[in-house]
Amino acid sequence: MVTLIVKLEHSHKSLETARRCAELASEIGIPHVVAVANKTRDDEDRTAIREFAARHGLQLVGEIPMDDR
């Protein structure tokens, strides 16, 4: 099975880009799209990303927290 992994960050532009990528994947026959939250800083970021993913049918499969090092 082919799977597309899209990366979501807390910015509006990133969220909309991920949504569009998932939409395009469906149009070209990629049946499985999952999302990974990237650069999450706090619970507010995680909640916003999780809610966006749920609204747009994206399965959130992981998270990469912000690393300020």
N, C-alpha and C. Protein backbone atom coordinates (compact mmCIF):
# COMPACT_ATOMS: atom_id res chain seq x y z
N MET A 1 0.84 -1.18 0.00
CA MET A 1 0.00 0.00 0.00
C MET A 1 0.89 1.25 0.00
N VAL A 2 0.54 2.19 -0.83
CA VAL A 2 1.26 3.46 -0.90
C VAL A 2 0.69 4.39 0.17
N THR A 3 1.58 5.03 0.91
CA THR A 3 1.17 5.98 1.95
C THR A 3 1.92 7.28 1.76
N LEU A 4 1.22 8.39 1.86
CA LEU A 4 1.83 9.71 1.85
C LEU A 4 1.84 10.23 3.28
N ILE A 5 3.00 10.70 3.71
CA ILE A 5 3.12 11.31 5.03
C ILE A 5 3.23 12.82 4.83
N VAL A 6 2.31 13.56 5.45
CA VAL A 6 2.37 15.02 5.38
C VAL A 6 2.78 15.57 6.74
N LYS A 7 3.53 16.66 6.71
CA LYS A 7 4.03 17.30 7.93
C LYS A 7 3.17 18.52 8.22
N LEU A 8 2.71 18.61 9.46
CA LEU A 8 1.91 19.75 9.88
C LEU A 8 2.68 20.55 10.93
N GLU A 9 2.72 21.84 10.76
CA GLU A 9 3.21 22.74 11.80
C GLU A 9 2.06 23.64 12.20
N HIS A 10 2.26 24.42 13.22
CA HIS A 10 1.16 25.21 13.79
C HIS A 10 0.76 26.43 12.94
N SER A 11 1.51 26.74 11.89
CA SER A 11 1.16 27.92 11.09
C SER A 11 0.02 27.63 10.12
N HIS A 12 -0.75 28.66 9.81
CA HIS A 12 -1.87 28.52 8.88
C HIS A 12 -1.39 28.00 7.53
N LYS A 13 -0.31 28.54 7.04
CA LYS A 13 0.21 28.14 5.73
C LYS A 13 0.57 26.65 5.71
N SER A 14 1.21 26.17 6.75
CA SER A 14 1.59 24.76 6.83
C SER A 14 0.36 23.86 6.89
N LEU A 15 -0.62 24.24 7.69
CA LEU A 15 -1.83 23.45 7.82
C LEU A 15 -2.56 23.36 6.48
N GLU A 16 -2.70 24.48 5.81
CA GLU A 16 -3.40 24.49 4.52
C GLU A 16 -2.62 23.73 3.45
N THR A 17 -1.30 23.81 3.48
CA THR A 17 -0.48 23.06 2.52
C THR A 17 -0.66 21.56 2.74
N ALA A 18 -0.67 21.13 3.97
CA ALA A 18 -0.86 19.71 4.27
C ALA A 18 -2.25 19.25 3.81
N ARG A 19 -3.24 20.07 4.05
CA ARG A 19 -4.60 19.73 3.62
C ARG A 19 -4.65 19.57 2.10
N ARG A 20 -4.03 20.49 1.41
CA ARG A 20 -4.02 20.44 -0.06
C ARG A 20 -3.24 19.23 -0.57
N CYS A 21 -2.14 18.91 0.07
CA CYS A 21 -1.36 17.73 -0.33
C CYS A 21 -2.19 16.46 -0.18
N ALA A 22 -2.95 16.36 0.90
CA ALA A 22 -3.81 15.20 1.11
C ALA A 22 -4.89 15.13 0.03
N GLU A 23 -5.43 16.29 -0.32
CA GLU A 23 -6.46 16.36 -1.36
C GLU A 23 -5.87 15.90 -2.71
N LEU A 24 -4.69 16.40 -3.03
CA LEU A 24 -4.04 16.01 -4.29
C LEU A 24 -3.69 14.52 -4.31
N ALA A 25 -3.26 14.00 -3.17
CA ALA A 25 -2.94 12.58 -3.09
C ALA A 25 -4.16 11.74 -3.45
N SER A 26 -5.30 12.12 -2.93
CA SER A 26 -6.53 11.41 -3.24
C SER A 26 -6.84 11.49 -4.74
N GLU A 27 -6.63 12.65 -5.32
CA GLU A 27 -6.92 12.85 -6.74
C GLU A 27 -6.04 11.97 -7.64
N ILE A 28 -4.81 11.69 -7.21
CA ILE A 28 -3.92 10.87 -8.05
C ILE A 28 -3.88 9.40 -7.62
N GLY A 29 -4.76 9.04 -6.70
CA GLY A 29 -4.92 7.64 -6.35
C GLY A 29 -4.06 7.13 -5.21
N ILE A 30 -3.51 8.02 -4.39
CA ILE A 30 -2.80 7.57 -3.20
C ILE A 30 -3.84 7.41 -2.10
N PRO A 31 -4.10 6.16 -1.70
CA PRO A 31 -5.25 5.91 -0.84
C PRO A 31 -5.04 6.20 0.65
N HIS A 32 -3.81 6.28 1.07
CA HIS A 32 -3.57 6.39 2.51
C HIS A 32 -2.67 7.60 2.79
N VAL A 33 -3.21 8.57 3.52
CA VAL A 33 -2.46 9.78 3.88
C VAL A 33 -2.46 9.88 5.40
N VAL A 34 -1.28 10.07 5.97
CA VAL A 34 -1.16 10.27 7.42
C VAL A 34 -0.39 11.57 7.66
N ALA A 35 -0.51 12.09 8.87
CA ALA A 35 0.12 13.36 9.20
C ALA A 35 1.01 13.22 10.43
N VAL A 36 2.07 14.02 10.43
CA VAL A 36 2.98 14.11 11.58
C VAL A 36 3.05 15.58 11.97
N ALA A 37 2.80 15.86 13.25
CA ALA A 37 2.93 17.22 13.78
C ALA A 37 4.40 17.51 13.99
N ASN A 38 4.86 18.66 13.52
CA ASN A 38 6.27 19.02 13.60
C ASN A 38 6.44 20.36 14.33
N LYS A 39 7.51 20.46 15.08
CA LYS A 39 7.87 21.70 15.79
C LYS A 39 6.79 22.15 16.78
N THR A 40 6.15 21.19 17.43
CA THR A 40 5.15 21.57 18.43
C THR A 40 5.85 22.12 19.66
N ARG A 41 5.32 23.24 20.15
CA ARG A 41 5.93 23.93 21.29
C ARG A 41 5.19 23.70 22.60
N ASP A 42 3.87 23.53 22.50
CA ASP A 42 3.08 23.44 23.72
C ASP A 42 1.74 22.78 23.42
N ASP A 43 0.91 22.67 24.46
CA ASP A 43 -0.39 22.03 24.29
C ASP A 43 -1.28 22.78 23.31
N GLU A 44 -1.13 24.09 23.24
CA GLU A 44 -1.92 24.88 22.30
C GLU A 44 -1.62 24.47 20.86
N ASP A 45 -0.33 24.32 20.52
CA ASP A 45 0.05 23.86 19.18
C ASP A 45 -0.52 22.47 18.91
N ARG A 46 -0.33 21.57 19.87
CA ARG A 46 -0.80 20.20 19.69
C ARG A 46 -2.31 20.15 19.48
N THR A 47 -3.04 20.92 20.26
CA THR A 47 -4.50 20.94 20.15
C THR A 47 -4.93 21.50 18.79
N ALA A 48 -4.33 22.60 18.37
CA ALA A 48 -4.68 23.21 17.08
C ALA A 48 -4.42 22.24 15.93
N ILE A 49 -3.29 21.58 15.96
CA ILE A 49 -2.94 20.63 14.90
C ILE A 49 -3.88 19.43 14.94
N ARG A 50 -4.12 18.90 16.11
CA ARG A 50 -5.00 17.73 16.26
C ARG A 50 -6.42 18.05 15.76
N GLU A 51 -6.93 19.22 16.12
CA GLU A 51 -8.27 19.61 15.69
C GLU A 51 -8.34 19.82 14.18
N PHE A 52 -7.31 20.46 13.62
CA PHE A 52 -7.27 20.68 12.17
C PHE A 52 -7.25 19.33 11.45
N ALA A 53 -6.39 18.43 11.91
CA ALA A 53 -6.29 17.11 11.29
C ALA A 53 -7.63 16.39 11.34
N ALA A 54 -8.30 16.42 12.46
CA ALA A 54 -9.60 15.75 12.60
C ALA A 54 -10.64 16.36 11.66
N ARG A 55 -10.67 17.68 11.57
CA ARG A 55 -11.64 18.35 10.69
C ARG A 55 -11.44 17.98 9.23
N HIS A 56 -10.20 17.67 8.85
CA HIS A 56 -9.90 17.42 7.44
C HIS A 56 -9.59 15.95 7.14
N GLY A 57 -9.94 15.08 8.07
CA GLY A 57 -9.80 13.66 7.83
C GLY A 57 -8.37 13.15 7.74
N LEU A 58 -7.45 13.86 8.39
CA LEU A 58 -6.05 13.43 8.40
C LEU A 58 -5.77 12.64 9.67
N GLN A 59 -5.23 11.46 9.50
CA GLN A 59 -4.86 10.64 10.66
C GLN A 59 -3.52 11.12 11.20
N LEU A 60 -3.52 11.65 12.41
CA LEU A 60 -2.29 12.14 13.04
C LEU A 60 -1.58 10.95 13.69
N VAL A 61 -0.38 10.63 13.19
CA VAL A 61 0.31 9.41 13.64
C VAL A 61 1.54 9.69 14.50
N GLY A 62 1.92 10.95 14.63
CA GLY A 62 3.10 11.23 15.44
C GLY A 62 3.32 12.71 15.64
N GLU A 63 4.33 12.98 16.46
CA GLU A 63 4.66 14.37 16.79
C GLU A 63 6.16 14.50 16.99
N ILE A 64 6.72 15.56 16.45
CA ILE A 64 8.12 15.89 16.65
C ILE A 64 8.14 17.25 17.36
N PRO A 65 8.51 17.29 18.62
CA PRO A 65 8.49 18.56 19.37
C PRO A 65 9.59 19.51 18.90
N MET A 66 9.39 20.78 19.16
CA MET A 66 10.37 21.81 18.85
C MET A 66 11.64 21.55 19.66
N ASP A 67 12.78 21.68 19.03
CA ASP A 67 14.07 21.51 19.70
C ASP A 67 14.85 22.80 19.52
N ASP A 68 14.97 23.56 20.57
CA ASP A 68 15.62 24.87 20.49
C ASP A 68 17.15 24.82 20.61
N ARG A 69 17.69 23.64 20.63
CA ARG A 69 19.15 23.55 20.77
C ARG A 69 19.88 24.13 19.62
